[in-house]
Amino acid sequence: MPENFIRNIFYYKNYYLKFFDTLKPAVKNKFNWTLQLIAITDKVQEKYFKHITGSAGLFEIRVEVGSDIYRVFSFFDKGQLIILLNGFQKKTQKTPSNEIELAEKLKKQYFHEKEN
């Protein structure tokens, strides 16, 4: 039975895929499940998809497997299109500012390339 997609997900360049390739199979499965949830669920729980406070429209896709925590930054383009950016394993309570800065830079780069 085909899924009814509410949102489409797009990988910007290969940032997400390079990160994904480094993950263990259980983590890959959880990311795939979470992305499908985001694509087909009208209101996604913050546990899985949360706006980054103080950012210009960045969201983080949140995955936990055992005691390991992973995040992938994303943003919306034209309403229901989600663009995936960089990912990382979270090892501290606070999200590293260099990861947020990279995501902001990639988002600007995406829109700049789209305009040209």
PDB file of N, CA and C in Angstrom:
ATOM      1  N   MET A   1       0.837  -1.185   0.000  1.00  0.00           N
ATOM      2  CA  MET A   1       0.000   0.000   0.000  1.00  0.00           C
ATOM      3  C   MET A   1       0.881   1.247   0.000  1.00  0.00           C
ATOM      4  N   PRO A   2       0.720   2.151  -0.952  1.00  0.00           N
ATOM      5  CA  PRO A   2       1.562   3.341  -1.019  1.00  0.00           C
ATOM      6  C   PRO A   2       1.253   4.305   0.130  1.00  0.00           C
ATOM      7  N   GLU A   3       2.313   4.967   0.597  1.00  0.00           N
ATOM      8  CA  GLU A   3       2.172   5.956   1.669  1.00  0.00           C
ATOM      9  C   GLU A   3       1.631   7.259   1.088  1.00  0.00           C
ATOM     10  N   ASN A   4       0.902   8.003   1.889  1.00  0.00           N
ATOM     11  CA  ASN A   4       0.445   9.333   1.497  1.00  0.00           C
ATOM     12  C   ASN A   4       1.432  10.353   2.043  1.00  0.00           C
ATOM     13  N   PHE A   5       2.309  10.821   1.184  1.00  0.00           N
ATOM     14  CA  PHE A   5       3.336  11.749   1.619  1.00  0.00           C
ATOM     15  C   PHE A   5       2.772  13.153   1.781  1.00  0.00           C
ATOM     16  N   ILE A   6       3.051  13.743   2.915  1.00  0.00           N
ATOM     17  CA  ILE A   6       2.670  15.122   3.197  1.00  0.00           C
ATOM     18  C   ILE A   6       3.843  16.032   2.835  1.00  0.00           C
ATOM     19  N   ARG A   7       5.045  15.513   3.052  1.00  0.00           N
ATOM     20  CA  ARG A   7       6.268  16.269   2.786  1.00  0.00           C
ATOM     21  C   ARG A   7       7.204  15.445   1.907  1.00  0.00           C
ATOM     22  N   ASN A   8       7.997  16.135   1.106  1.00  0.00           N
ATOM     23  CA  ASN A   8       9.059  15.498   0.326  1.00  0.00           C
ATOM     24  C   ASN A   8      10.379  15.832   0.977  1.00  0.00           C
ATOM     25  N   ILE A   9      11.297  14.890   0.927  1.00  0.00           N
ATOM     26  CA  ILE A   9      12.614  15.067   1.543  1.00  0.00           C
ATOM     27  C   ILE A   9      13.670  15.008   0.456  1.00  0.00           C
ATOM     28  N   PHE A  10      14.589  15.981   0.510  1.00  0.00           N
ATOM     29  CA  PHE A  10      15.634  16.134  -0.499  1.00  0.00           C
ATOM     30  C   PHE A  10      16.974  16.230   0.217  1.00  0.00           C
ATOM     31  N   TYR A  11      17.973  15.538  -0.297  1.00  0.00           N
ATOM     32  CA  TYR A  11      19.325  15.603   0.276  1.00  0.00           C
ATOM     33  C   TYR A  11      20.092  16.697  -0.449  1.00  0.00           C
ATOM     34  N   TYR A  12      20.559  17.703   0.292  1.00  0.00           N
ATOM     35  CA  TYR A  12      21.357  18.753  -0.332  1.00  0.00           C
ATOM     36  C   TYR A  12      22.778  18.241  -0.518  1.00  0.00           C
ATOM     37  N   LYS A  13      23.191  18.172  -1.765  1.00  0.00           N
ATOM     38  CA  LYS A  13      24.494  17.615  -2.161  1.00  0.00           C
ATOM     39  C   LYS A  13      24.638  16.255  -1.490  1.00  0.00           C
ATOM     40  N   ASN A  14      25.789  15.965  -0.909  1.00  0.00           N
ATOM     41  CA  ASN A  14      25.952  14.638  -0.294  1.00  0.00           C
ATOM     42  C   ASN A  14      26.238  14.723   1.203  1.00  0.00           C
ATOM     43  N   TYR A  15      25.904  15.840   1.841  1.00  0.00           N
ATOM     44  CA  TYR A  15      26.215  16.015   3.267  1.00  0.00           C
ATOM     45  C   TYR A  15      25.532  14.961   4.135  1.00  0.00           C
ATOM     46  N   TYR A  16      24.245  14.790   3.949  1.00  0.00           N
ATOM     47  CA  TYR A  16      23.523  13.801   4.750  1.00  0.00           C
ATOM     48  C   TYR A  16      23.982  12.382   4.401  1.00  0.00           C
ATOM     49  N   LEU A  17      24.125  12.100   3.121  1.00  0.00           N
ATOM     50  CA  LEU A  17      24.475  10.737   2.707  1.00  0.00           C
ATOM     51  C   LEU A  17      25.853  10.318   3.198  1.00  0.00           C
ATOM     52  N   LYS A  18      26.810  11.253   3.224  1.00  0.00           N
ATOM     53  CA  LYS A  18      28.139  10.932   3.769  1.00  0.00           C
ATOM     54  C   LYS A  18      28.033  10.583   5.254  1.00  0.00           C
ATOM     55  N   PHE A  19      27.238  11.353   5.976  1.00  0.00           N
ATOM     56  CA  PHE A  19      27.003  11.078   7.391  1.00  0.00           C
ATOM     57  C   PHE A  19      26.316   9.726   7.551  1.00  0.00           C
ATOM     58  N   PHE A  20      25.267   9.498   6.772  1.00  0.00           N
ATOM     59  CA  PHE A  20      24.488   8.264   6.849  1.00  0.00           C
ATOM     60  C   PHE A  20      25.364   7.031   6.622  1.00  0.00           C
ATOM     61  N   ASP A  21      26.294   7.115   5.685  1.00  0.00           N
ATOM     62  CA  ASP A  21      27.188   5.991   5.377  1.00  0.00           C
ATOM     63  C   ASP A  21      28.070   5.587   6.550  1.00  0.00           C
ATOM     64  N   THR A  22      28.296   6.489   7.501  1.00  0.00           N
ATOM     65  CA  THR A  22      29.168   6.190   8.654  1.00  0.00           C
ATOM     66  C   THR A  22      28.417   5.498   9.790  1.00  0.00           C
ATOM     67  N   LEU A  23      27.100   5.399   9.687  1.00  0.00           N
ATOM     68  CA  LEU A  23      26.284   4.910  10.792  1.00  0.00           C
ATOM     69  C   LEU A  23      26.159   3.390  10.813  1.00  0.00           C
ATOM     70  N   LYS A  24      25.918   2.865  12.012  1.00  0.00           N
ATOM     71  CA  LYS A  24      25.654   1.436  12.183  1.00  0.00           C
ATOM     72  C   LYS A  24      24.269   1.115  11.608  1.00  0.00           C
ATOM     73  N   PRO A  25      24.054  -0.133  11.209  1.00  0.00           N
ATOM     74  CA  PRO A  25      22.763  -0.506  10.609  1.00  0.00           C
ATOM     75  C   PRO A  25      21.540  -0.136  11.459  1.00  0.00           C
ATOM     76  N   ALA A  26      21.597  -0.313  12.769  1.00  0.00           N
ATOM     77  CA  ALA A  26      20.438   0.014  13.621  1.00  0.00           C
ATOM     78  C   ALA A  26      20.136   1.504  13.577  1.00  0.00           C
ATOM     79  N   VAL A  27      21.176   2.330  13.508  1.00  0.00           N
ATOM     80  CA  VAL A  27      20.985   3.781  13.454  1.00  0.00           C
ATOM     81  C   VAL A  27      20.435   4.173  12.079  1.00  0.00           C
ATOM     82  N   LYS A  28      20.949   3.554  11.021  1.00  0.00           N
ATOM     83  CA  LYS A  28      20.426   3.804   9.671  1.00  0.00           C
ATOM     84  C   LYS A  28      18.934   3.477   9.613  1.00  0.00           C
ATOM     85  N   ASN A  29      18.557   2.336  10.178  1.00  0.00           N
ATOM     86  CA  ASN A  29      17.145   1.940  10.189  1.00  0.00           C
ATOM     87  C   ASN A  29      16.289   2.961  10.923  1.00  0.00           C
ATOM     88  N   LYS A  30      16.795   3.462  12.043  1.00  0.00           N
ATOM     89  CA  LYS A  30      16.031   4.451  12.822  1.00  0.00           C
ATOM     90  C   LYS A  30      15.920   5.764  12.053  1.00  0.00           C
ATOM     91  N   PHE A  31      16.985   6.183  11.371  1.00  0.00           N
ATOM     92  CA  PHE A  31      16.900   7.396  10.548  1.00  0.00           C
ATOM     93  C   PHE A  31      15.877   7.210   9.424  1.00  0.00           C
ATOM     94  N   ASN A  32      15.912   6.069   8.760  1.00  0.00           N
ATOM     95  CA  ASN A  32      14.945   5.817   7.683  1.00  0.00           C
ATOM     96  C   ASN A  32      13.517   5.843   8.220  1.00  0.00           C
ATOM     97  N   TRP A  33      13.299   5.236   9.379  1.00  0.00           N
ATOM     98  CA  TRP A  33      11.974   5.231  10.002  1.00  0.00           C
ATOM     99  C   TRP A  33      11.549   6.662  10.352  1.00  0.00           C
ATOM    100  N   THR A  34      12.466   7.439  10.919  1.00  0.00           N
ATOM    101  CA  THR A  34      12.162   8.816  11.331  1.00  0.00           C
ATOM    102  C   THR A  34      11.860   9.693  10.121  1.00  0.00           C
ATOM    103  N   LEU A  35      12.632   9.553   9.053  1.00  0.00           N
ATOM    104  CA  LEU A  35      12.375  10.338   7.844  1.00  0.00           C
ATOM    105  C   LEU A  35      11.017   9.976   7.241  1.00  0.00           C
ATOM    106  N   GLN A  36      10.670   8.710   7.268  1.00  0.00           N
ATOM    107  CA  GLN A  36       9.358   8.303   6.764  1.00  0.00           C
ATOM    108  C   GLN A  36       8.256   8.902   7.635  1.00  0.00           C
ATOM    109  N   LEU A  37       8.441   8.879   8.939  1.00  0.00           N
ATOM    110  CA  LEU A  37       7.482   9.479   9.866  1.00  0.00           C
ATOM    111  C   LEU A  37       7.276  10.960   9.547  1.00  0.00           C
ATOM    112  N   ILE A  38       8.371  11.675   9.330  1.00  0.00           N
ATOM    113  CA  ILE A  38       8.308  13.106   9.014  1.00  0.00           C
ATOM    114  C   ILE A  38       7.593  13.326   7.681  1.00  0.00           C
ATOM    115  N   ALA A  39       7.804  12.435   6.737  1.00  0.00           N
ATOM    116  CA  ALA A  39       7.206  12.578   5.401  1.00  0.00           C
ATOM    117  C   ALA A  39       5.700  12.319   5.397  1.00  0.00           C
ATOM    118  N   ILE A  40       5.219  11.459   6.289  1.00  0.00           N
ATOM    119  CA  ILE A  40       3.803  11.060   6.203  1.00  0.00           C
ATOM    120  C   ILE A  40       2.936  11.540   7.361  1.00  0.00           C
ATOM    121  N   THR A  41       3.524  12.103   8.410  1.00  0.00           N
ATOM    122  CA  THR A  41       2.755  12.518   9.587  1.00  0.00           C
ATOM    123  C   THR A  41       2.504  14.013   9.556  1.00  0.00           C
ATOM    124  N   ASP A  42       1.251  14.384   9.756  1.00  0.00           N
ATOM    125  CA  ASP A  42       0.880  15.793   9.713  1.00  0.00           C
ATOM    126  C   ASP A  42       1.579  16.598  10.805  1.00  0.00           C
ATOM    127  N   LYS A  43       1.476  16.166  12.041  1.00  0.00           N
ATOM    128  CA  LYS A  43       2.098  16.884  13.158  1.00  0.00           C
ATOM    129  C   LYS A  43       3.119  15.950  13.806  1.00  0.00           C
ATOM    130  N   VAL A  44       4.396  16.200  13.548  1.00  0.00           N
ATOM    131  CA  VAL A  44       5.477  15.348  14.032  1.00  0.00           C
ATOM    132  C   VAL A  44       5.871  15.789  15.442  1.00  0.00           C
ATOM    133  N   GLN A  45       6.022  14.835  16.326  1.00  0.00           N
ATOM    134  CA  GLN A  45       6.419  15.140  17.702  1.00  0.00           C
ATOM    135  C   GLN A  45       7.816  15.758  17.737  1.00  0.00           C
ATOM    136  N   GLU A  46       8.025  16.685  18.681  1.00  0.00           N
ATOM    137  CA  GLU A  46       9.334  17.323  18.857  1.00  0.00           C
ATOM    138  C   GLU A  46      10.427  16.312  19.146  1.00  0.00           C
ATOM    139  N   LYS A  47      10.058  15.190  19.684  1.00  0.00           N
ATOM    140  CA  LYS A  47      11.035  14.138  19.968  1.00  0.00           C
ATOM    141  C   LYS A  47      11.807  13.749  18.707  1.00  0.00           C
ATOM    142  N   TYR A  48      11.161  13.894  17.541  1.00  0.00           N
ATOM    143  CA  TYR A  48      11.763  13.491  16.275  1.00  0.00           C
ATOM    144  C   TYR A  48      12.149  14.648  15.360  1.00  0.00           C
ATOM    145  N   PHE A  49      11.477  15.786  15.509  1.00  0.00           N
ATOM    146  CA  PHE A  49      11.670  16.891  14.566  1.00  0.00           C
ATOM    147  C   PHE A  49      11.403  18.195  15.307  1.00  0.00           C
ATOM    148  N   LYS A  50      12.464  18.987  15.517  1.00  0.00           N
ATOM    149  CA  LYS A  50      12.332  20.167  16.365  1.00  0.00           C
ATOM    150  C   LYS A  50      13.007  21.383  15.741  1.00  0.00           C
ATOM    151  N   HIS A  51      12.329  22.534  15.862  1.00  0.00           N
ATOM    152  CA  HIS A  51      12.908  23.806  15.410  1.00  0.00           C
ATOM    153  C   HIS A  51      14.071  24.172  16.324  1.00  0.00           C
ATOM    154  N   ILE A  52      15.162  24.670  15.732  1.00  0.00           N
ATOM    155  CA  ILE A  52      16.318  25.114  16.509  1.00  0.00           C
ATOM    156  C   ILE A  52      16.077  26.555  16.944  1.00  0.00           C
ATOM    157  N   THR A  53      15.926  26.753  18.229  1.00  0.00           N
ATOM    158  CA  THR A  53      15.696  28.090  18.772  1.00  0.00           C
ATOM    159  C   THR A  53      16.852  29.010  18.421  1.00  0.00           C
ATOM    160  N   GLY A  54      16.530  30.216  17.972  1.00  0.00           N
ATOM    161  CA  GLY A  54      17.549  31.199  17.634  1.00  0.00           C
ATOM    162  C   GLY A  54      18.132  31.039  16.242  1.00  0.00           C
ATOM    163  N   SER A  55      17.612  30.090  15.475  1.00  0.00           N
ATOM    164  CA  SER A  55      18.110  29.887  14.111  1.00  0.00           C
ATOM    165  C   SER A  55      17.147  30.514  13.116  1.00  0.00           C
ATOM    166  N   ALA A  56      17.616  30.622  11.892  1.00  0.00           N
ATOM    167  CA  ALA A  56      16.785  31.173  10.811  1.00  0.00           C
ATOM    168  C   ALA A  56      16.059  30.033  10.099  1.00  0.00           C
ATOM    169  N   GLY A  57      15.157  29.356  10.802  1.00  0.00           N
ATOM    170  CA  GLY A  57      14.358  28.309  10.178  1.00  0.00           C
ATOM    171  C   GLY A  57      15.004  26.951  10.095  1.00  0.00           C
ATOM    172  N   LEU A  58      16.015  26.698  10.913  1.00  0.00           N
ATOM    173  CA  LEU A  58      16.624  25.369  10.935  1.00  0.00           C
ATOM    174  C   LEU A  58      15.832  24.447  11.863  1.00  0.00           C
ATOM    175  N   PHE A  59      15.761  23.188  11.463  1.00  0.00           N
ATOM    176  CA  PHE A  59      15.149  22.149  12.281  1.00  0.00           C
ATOM    177  C   PHE A  59      16.172  21.039  12.456  1.00  0.00           C
ATOM    178  N   GLU A  60      16.019  20.268  13.528  1.00  0.00           N
ATOM    179  CA  GLU A  60      16.878  19.100  13.668  1.00  0.00           C
ATOM    180  C   GLU A  60      16.013  17.857  13.688  1.00  0.00           C
ATOM    181  N   ILE A  61      16.472  16.867  12.948  1.00  0.00           N
ATOM    182  CA  ILE A  61      15.860  15.547  12.960  1.00  0.00           C
ATOM    183  C   ILE A  61      16.603  14.782  14.038  1.00  0.00           C
ATOM    184  N   ARG A  62      15.849  14.221  14.972  1.00  0.00           N
ATOM    185  CA  ARG A  62      16.429  13.668  16.187  1.00  0.00           C
ATOM    186  C   ARG A  62      16.247  12.154  16.234  1.00  0.00           C
ATOM    187  N   VAL A  63      17.363  11.452  16.428  1.00  0.00           N
ATOM    188  CA  VAL A  63      17.336   9.994  16.506  1.00  0.00           C
ATOM    189  C   VAL A  63      18.142   9.546  17.714  1.00  0.00           C
ATOM    190  N   GLU A  64      17.561   8.617  18.465  1.00  0.00           N
ATOM    191  CA  GLU A  64      18.264   7.991  19.589  1.00  0.00           C
ATOM    192  C   GLU A  64      18.221   6.486  19.397  1.00  0.00           C
ATOM    193  N   VAL A  65      19.388   5.861  19.560  1.00  0.00           N
ATOM    194  CA  VAL A  65      19.483   4.404  19.524  1.00  0.00           C
ATOM    195  C   VAL A  65      20.314   4.009  20.731  1.00  0.00           C
ATOM    196  N   GLY A  66      19.681   3.345  21.674  1.00  0.00           N
ATOM    197  CA  GLY A  66      20.351   3.049  22.939  1.00  0.00           C
ATOM    198  C   GLY A  66      20.689   4.352  23.634  1.00  0.00           C
ATOM    199  N   SER A  67      21.942   4.510  24.019  1.00  0.00           N
ATOM    200  CA  SER A  67      22.369   5.752  24.672  1.00  0.00           C
ATOM    201  C   SER A  67      22.996   6.732  23.688  1.00  0.00           C
ATOM    202  N   ASP A  68      23.011   6.377  22.403  1.00  0.00           N
ATOM    203  CA  ASP A  68      23.600   7.249  21.379  1.00  0.00           C
ATOM    204  C   ASP A  68      22.533   8.179  20.802  1.00  0.00           C
ATOM    205  N   ILE A  69      22.917   9.448  20.618  1.00  0.00           N
ATOM    206  CA  ILE A  69      22.020  10.473  20.104  1.00  0.00           C
ATOM    207  C   ILE A  69      22.610  11.051  18.821  1.00  0.00           C
ATOM    208  N   TYR A  70      21.777  11.185  17.805  1.00  0.00           N
ATOM    209  CA  TYR A  70      22.208  11.700  16.504  1.00  0.00           C
ATOM    210  C   TYR A  70      21.272  12.820  16.079  1.00  0.00           C
ATOM    211  N   ARG A  71      21.827  13.764  15.329  1.00  0.00           N
ATOM    212  CA  ARG A  71      21.041  14.880  14.821  1.00  0.00           C
ATOM    213  C   ARG A  71      21.409  15.149  13.363  1.00  0.00           C
ATOM    214  N   VAL A  72      20.405  15.553  12.587  1.00  0.00           N
ATOM    215  CA  VAL A  72      20.612  16.021  11.217  1.00  0.00           C
ATOM    216  C   VAL A  72      19.856  17.328  11.086  1.00  0.00           C
ATOM    217  N   PHE A  73      20.531  18.354  10.584  1.00  0.00           N
ATOM    218  CA  PHE A  73      19.882  19.641  10.380  1.00  0.00           C
ATOM    219  C   PHE A  73      19.122  19.636   9.069  1.00  0.00           C
ATOM    220  N   SER A  74      18.044  20.404   9.059  1.00  0.00           N
ATOM    221  CA  SER A  74      17.204  20.498   7.869  1.00  0.00           C
ATOM    222  C   SER A  74      16.477  21.835   7.879  1.00  0.00           C
ATOM    223  N   PHE A  75      15.817  22.134   6.762  1.00  0.00           N
ATOM    224  CA  PHE A  75      14.990  23.334   6.672  1.00  0.00           C
ATOM    225  C   PHE A  75      13.929  23.101   5.611  1.00  0.00           C
ATOM    226  N   PHE A  76      12.929  23.962   5.612  1.00  0.00           N
ATOM    227  CA  PHE A  76      11.854  23.872   4.633  1.00  0.00           C
ATOM    228  C   PHE A  76      12.153  24.774   3.439  1.00  0.00           C
ATOM    229  N   ASP A  77      11.784  24.297   2.262  1.00  0.00           N
ATOM    230  CA  ASP A  77      11.806  25.105   1.048  1.00  0.00           C
ATOM    231  C   ASP A  77      10.446  24.909   0.388  1.00  0.00           C
ATOM    232  N   LYS A  78       9.727  25.986   0.169  1.00  0.00           N
ATOM    233  CA  LYS A  78       8.390  25.944  -0.452  1.00  0.00           C
ATOM    234  C   LYS A  78       7.437  25.040   0.313  1.00  0.00           C
ATOM    235  N   GLY A  79       7.312  25.271   1.584  1.00  0.00           N
ATOM    236  CA  GLY A  79       6.280  24.622   2.384  1.00  0.00           C
ATOM    237  C   GLY A  79       6.524  23.197   2.783  1.00  0.00           C
ATOM    238  N   GLN A  80       6.349  22.265   1.864  1.00  0.00           N
ATOM    239  CA  GLN A  80       6.399  20.853   2.238  1.00  0.00           C
ATOM    240  C   GLN A  80       7.646  20.121   1.738  1.00  0.00           C
ATOM    241  N   LEU A  81       8.638  20.862   1.271  1.00  0.00           N
ATOM    242  CA  LEU A  81       9.901  20.260   0.839  1.00  0.00           C
ATOM    243  C   LEU A  81      10.924  20.452   1.950  1.00  0.00           C
ATOM    244  N   ILE A  82      11.437  19.353   2.478  1.00  0.00           N
ATOM    245  CA  ILE A  82      12.435  19.410   3.544  1.00  0.00           C
ATOM    246  C   ILE A  82      13.800  19.096   2.943  1.00  0.00           C
ATOM    247  N   ILE A  83      14.752  19.978   3.208  1.00  0.00           N
ATOM    248  CA  ILE A  83      16.117  19.815   2.708  1.00  0.00           C
ATOM    249  C   ILE A  83      16.997  19.331   3.860  1.00  0.00           C
ATOM    250  N   LEU A  84      17.663  18.185   3.667  1.00  0.00           N
ATOM    251  CA  LEU A  84      18.555  17.646   4.695  1.00  0.00           C
ATOM    252  C   LEU A  84      19.971  18.164   4.485  1.00  0.00           C
ATOM    253  N   LEU A  85      20.603  18.523   5.598  1.00  0.00           N
ATOM    254  CA  LEU A  85      21.961  19.066   5.562  1.00  0.00           C
ATOM    255  C   LEU A  85      22.914  18.133   6.303  1.00  0.00           C
ATOM    256  N   ASN A  86      23.765  18.705   7.120  1.00  0.00           N
ATOM    257  CA  ASN A  86      24.786  17.966   7.847  1.00  0.00           C
ATOM    258  C   ASN A  86      24.209  17.213   9.046  1.00  0.00           C
ATOM    259  N   GLY A  87      24.875  16.133   9.395  1.00  0.00           N
ATOM    260  CA  GLY A  87      24.494  15.336  10.559  1.00  0.00           C
ATOM    261  C   GLY A  87      25.692  15.090  11.446  1.00  0.00           C
ATOM    262  N   PHE A  88      25.416  14.728  12.695  1.00  0.00           N
ATOM    263  CA  PHE A  88      26.490  14.458  13.640  1.00  0.00           C
ATOM    264  C   PHE A  88      25.956  13.626  14.794  1.00  0.00           C
ATOM    265  N   GLN A  89      26.883  13.002  15.525  1.00  0.00           N
ATOM    266  CA  GLN A  89      26.515  12.305  16.750  1.00  0.00           C
ATOM    267  C   GLN A  89      26.654  13.301  17.884  1.00  0.00           C
ATOM    268  N   LYS A  90      25.617  13.430  18.665  1.00  0.00           N
ATOM    269  CA  LYS A  90      25.595  14.401  19.759  1.00  0.00           C
ATOM    270  C   LYS A  90      26.232  13.766  20.992  1.00  0.00           C
ATOM    271  N   LYS A  91      27.274  14.425  21.506  1.00  0.00           N
ATOM    272  CA  LYS A  91      27.998  13.866  22.642  1.00  0.00           C
ATOM    273  C   LYS A  91      27.914  14.742  23.878  1.00  0.00           C
ATOM    274  N   THR A  92      27.334  15.933  23.727  1.00  0.00           N
ATOM    275  CA  THR A  92      27.173  16.833  24.863  1.00  0.00           C
ATOM    276  C   THR A  92      25.718  17.276  24.930  1.00  0.00           C
ATOM    277  N   GLN A  93      25.348  17.887  26.046  1.00  0.00           N
ATOM    278  CA  GLN A  93      23.969  18.347  26.230  1.00  0.00           C
ATOM    279  C   GLN A  93      23.593  19.418  25.207  1.00  0.00           C
ATOM    280  N   LYS A  94      24.532  20.322  24.949  1.00  0.00           N
ATOM    281  CA  LYS A  94      24.274  21.443  24.045  1.00  0.00           C
ATOM    282  C   LYS A  94      24.736  21.088  22.631  1.00  0.00           C
ATOM    283  N   THR A  95      23.935  21.481  21.650  1.00  0.00           N
ATOM    284  CA  THR A  95      24.311  21.254  20.254  1.00  0.00           C
ATOM    285  C   THR A  95      25.527  22.114  19.921  1.00  0.00           C
ATOM    286  N   PRO A  96      26.582  21.515  19.366  1.00  0.00           N
ATOM    287  CA  PRO A  96      27.800  22.290  19.048  1.00  0.00           C
ATOM    288  C   PRO A  96      27.505  23.442  18.086  1.00  0.00           C
ATOM    289  N   SER A  97      27.990  24.634  18.447  1.00  0.00           N
ATOM    290  CA  SER A  97      27.716  25.824  17.628  1.00  0.00           C
ATOM    291  C   SER A  97      28.326  25.700  16.236  1.00  0.00           C
ATOM    292  N   ASN A  98      29.459  25.000  16.107  1.00  0.00           N
ATOM    293  CA  ASN A  98      30.057  24.855  14.770  1.00  0.00           C
ATOM    294  C   ASN A  98      29.162  24.039  13.833  1.00  0.00           C
ATOM    295  N   GLU A  99      28.385  23.090  14.375  1.00  0.00           N
ATOM    296  CA  GLU A  99      27.453  22.314  13.548  1.00  0.00           C
ATOM    297  C   GLU A  99      26.281  23.194  13.095  1.00  0.00           C
ATOM    298  N   ILE A 100      25.796  24.055  13.995  1.00  0.00           N
ATOM    299  CA  ILE A 100      24.712  24.979  13.633  1.00  0.00           C
ATOM    300  C   ILE A 100      25.207  25.975  12.588  1.00  0.00           C
ATOM    301  N   GLU A 101      26.417  26.494  12.789  1.00  0.00           N
ATOM    302  CA  GLU A 101      26.990  27.455  11.823  1.00  0.00           C
ATOM    303  C   GLU A 101      27.147  26.815  10.453  1.00  0.00           C
ATOM    304  N   LEU A 102      27.594  25.566  10.408  1.00  0.00           N
ATOM    305  CA  LEU A 102      27.730  24.866   9.131  1.00  0.00           C
ATOM    306  C   LEU A 102      26.360  24.715   8.466  1.00  0.00           C
ATOM    307  N   ALA A 103      25.351  24.351   9.230  1.00  0.00           N
ATOM    308  CA  ALA A 103      24.003  24.191   8.677  1.00  0.00           C
ATOM    309  C   ALA A 103      23.475  25.520   8.131  1.00  0.00           C
ATOM    310  N   GLU A 104      23.702  26.601   8.857  1.00  0.00           N
ATOM    311  CA  GLU A 104      23.261  27.925   8.380  1.00  0.00           C
ATOM    312  C   GLU A 104      23.965  28.279   7.069  1.00  0.00           C
ATOM    313  N   LYS A 105      25.262  27.982   7.005  1.00  0.00           N
ATOM    314  CA  LYS A 105      26.048  28.256   5.795  1.00  0.00           C
ATOM    315  C   LYS A 105      25.525  27.436   4.611  1.00  0.00           C
ATOM    316  N   LEU A 106      25.247  26.160   4.842  1.00  0.00           N
ATOM    317  CA  LEU A 106      24.750  25.292   3.778  1.00  0.00           C
ATOM    318  C   LEU A 106      23.367  25.731   3.306  1.00  0.00           C
ATOM    319  N   LYS A 107      22.531  26.178   4.233  1.00  0.00           N
ATOM    320  CA  LYS A 107      21.198  26.667   3.862  1.00  0.00           C
ATOM    321  C   LYS A 107      21.319  27.884   2.954  1.00  0.00           C
ATOM    322  N   LYS A 108      22.198  28.832   3.302  1.00  0.00           N
ATOM    323  CA  LYS A 108      22.415  30.024   2.464  1.00  0.00           C
ATOM    324  C   LYS A 108      22.944  29.617   1.093  1.00  0.00           C
ATOM    325  N   GLN A 109      23.868  28.681   1.083  1.00  0.00           N
ATOM    326  CA  GLN A 109      24.455  28.189  -0.164  1.00  0.00           C
ATOM    327  C   GLN A 109      23.369  27.556  -1.045  1.00  0.00           C
ATOM    328  N   TYR A 110      22.489  26.774  -0.453  1.00  0.00           N
ATOM    329  CA  TYR A 110      21.388  26.132  -1.183  1.00  0.00           C
ATOM    330  C   TYR A 110      20.535  27.181  -1.897  1.00  0.00           C
ATOM    331  N   PHE A 111      20.102  28.210  -1.160  1.00  0.00           N
ATOM    332  CA  PHE A 111      19.229  29.226  -1.768  1.00  0.00           C
ATOM    333  C   PHE A 111      19.984  30.078  -2.792  1.00  0.00           C
ATOM    334  N   HIS A 112      21.268  30.325  -2.552  1.00  0.00           N
ATOM    335  CA  HIS A 112      22.066  31.072  -3.518  1.00  0.00           C
ATOM    336  C   HIS A 112      22.158  30.295  -4.833  1.00  0.00           C
ATOM    337  N   GLU A 113      22.447  28.980  -4.738  1.00  0.00           N
ATOM    338  CA  GLU A 113      22.549  28.150  -5.931  1.00  0.00           C
ATOM    339  C   GLU A 113      21.201  28.036  -6.643  1.00  0.00           C
ATOM    340  N   LYS A 114      20.140  27.982  -5.867  1.00  0.00           N
ATOM    341  CA  LYS A 114      18.811  27.862  -6.445  1.00  0.00           C
ATOM    342  C   LYS A 114      18.436  29.105  -7.245  1.00  0.00           C
ATOM    343  N   GLU A 115      18.849  30.281  -6.770  1.00  0.00           N
ATOM    344  CA  GLU A 115      18.553  31.541  -7.450  1.00  0.00           C
ATOM    345  C   GLU A 115      19.311  31.675  -8.765  1.00  0.00           C
ATOM    346  N   ASN A 116      20.488  31.077  -8.842  1.00  0.00           N
ATOM    347  CA  ASN A 116      21.347  31.240 -10.038  1.00  0.00           C
ATOM    348  C   ASN A 116      21.190  30.134 -11.036  1.00  0.00           C
TER     349      ASN A 116
END
